[in-house]
Amino acid sequence: MAGYSIIHADDFAGAQALLDGHPHLMMPGASIQVYESLDLPGM
């Protein structure tokens, strides 16, 4: 299964903190990758 979400955080550490306790991470072998992107209009 794959998917993506757009989250807004001030920095990388803030993005990681938003994902603490995410249910996806409860599955064995699961991971979440975080990438920085350019600012999106209207966000």
Protein backbone atom coordinates (compact mmCIF):
# COMPACT_ATOMS: atom_id res chain seq x y z
CA MET A 1 0.00 0.00 0.00
CA ALA A 2 1.29 3.46 -0.75
CA GLY A 3 0.03 6.98 -0.51
CA TYR A 4 1.08 10.49 0.30
CA SER A 5 0.03 13.36 2.49
CA ILE A 6 1.05 16.98 2.55
CA ILE A 7 1.80 18.29 6.02
CA HIS A 8 2.90 21.76 7.03
CA ALA A 9 5.70 22.27 9.55
CA ASP A 10 8.27 24.96 10.23
CA ASP A 11 11.16 22.53 9.90
CA PHE A 12 12.09 18.86 9.51
CA ALA A 13 11.96 18.21 13.27
CA GLY A 14 8.47 19.67 13.38
CA ALA A 15 7.35 17.37 10.57
CA GLN A 16 8.77 14.36 12.40
CA ALA A 17 6.97 15.41 15.59
CA LEU A 18 3.65 15.52 13.71
CA LEU A 19 4.16 11.86 12.74
CA ASP A 20 4.92 10.57 16.25
CA GLY A 21 2.39 7.88 17.11
CA HIS A 22 1.07 7.63 13.53
CA PRO A 23 -0.92 4.35 13.21
CA HIS A 24 1.01 3.36 10.07
CA LEU A 25 4.15 3.07 12.18
CA MET A 26 2.49 0.39 14.34
CA MET A 27 2.72 -2.13 11.46
CA PRO A 28 5.87 -4.31 11.39
CA GLY A 29 8.39 -3.05 8.86
CA ALA A 30 6.43 0.12 8.08
CA SER A 31 8.12 3.46 7.50
CA ILE A 32 7.24 7.02 6.63
CA GLN A 33 9.59 9.10 4.51
CA VAL A 34 9.56 12.88 4.87
CA TYR A 35 10.65 15.13 2.01
CA GLU A 36 10.93 18.89 1.88
CA SER A 37 9.12 20.65 -0.95
CA LEU A 38 8.76 24.13 -2.28
CA ASP A 39 6.03 26.31 -0.81
CA LEU A 40 2.63 25.57 -2.31
CA PRO A 41 0.41 28.49 -3.31
CA GLY A 42 -2.33 29.10 -0.76
CA MET A 43 -0.71 27.11 2.05
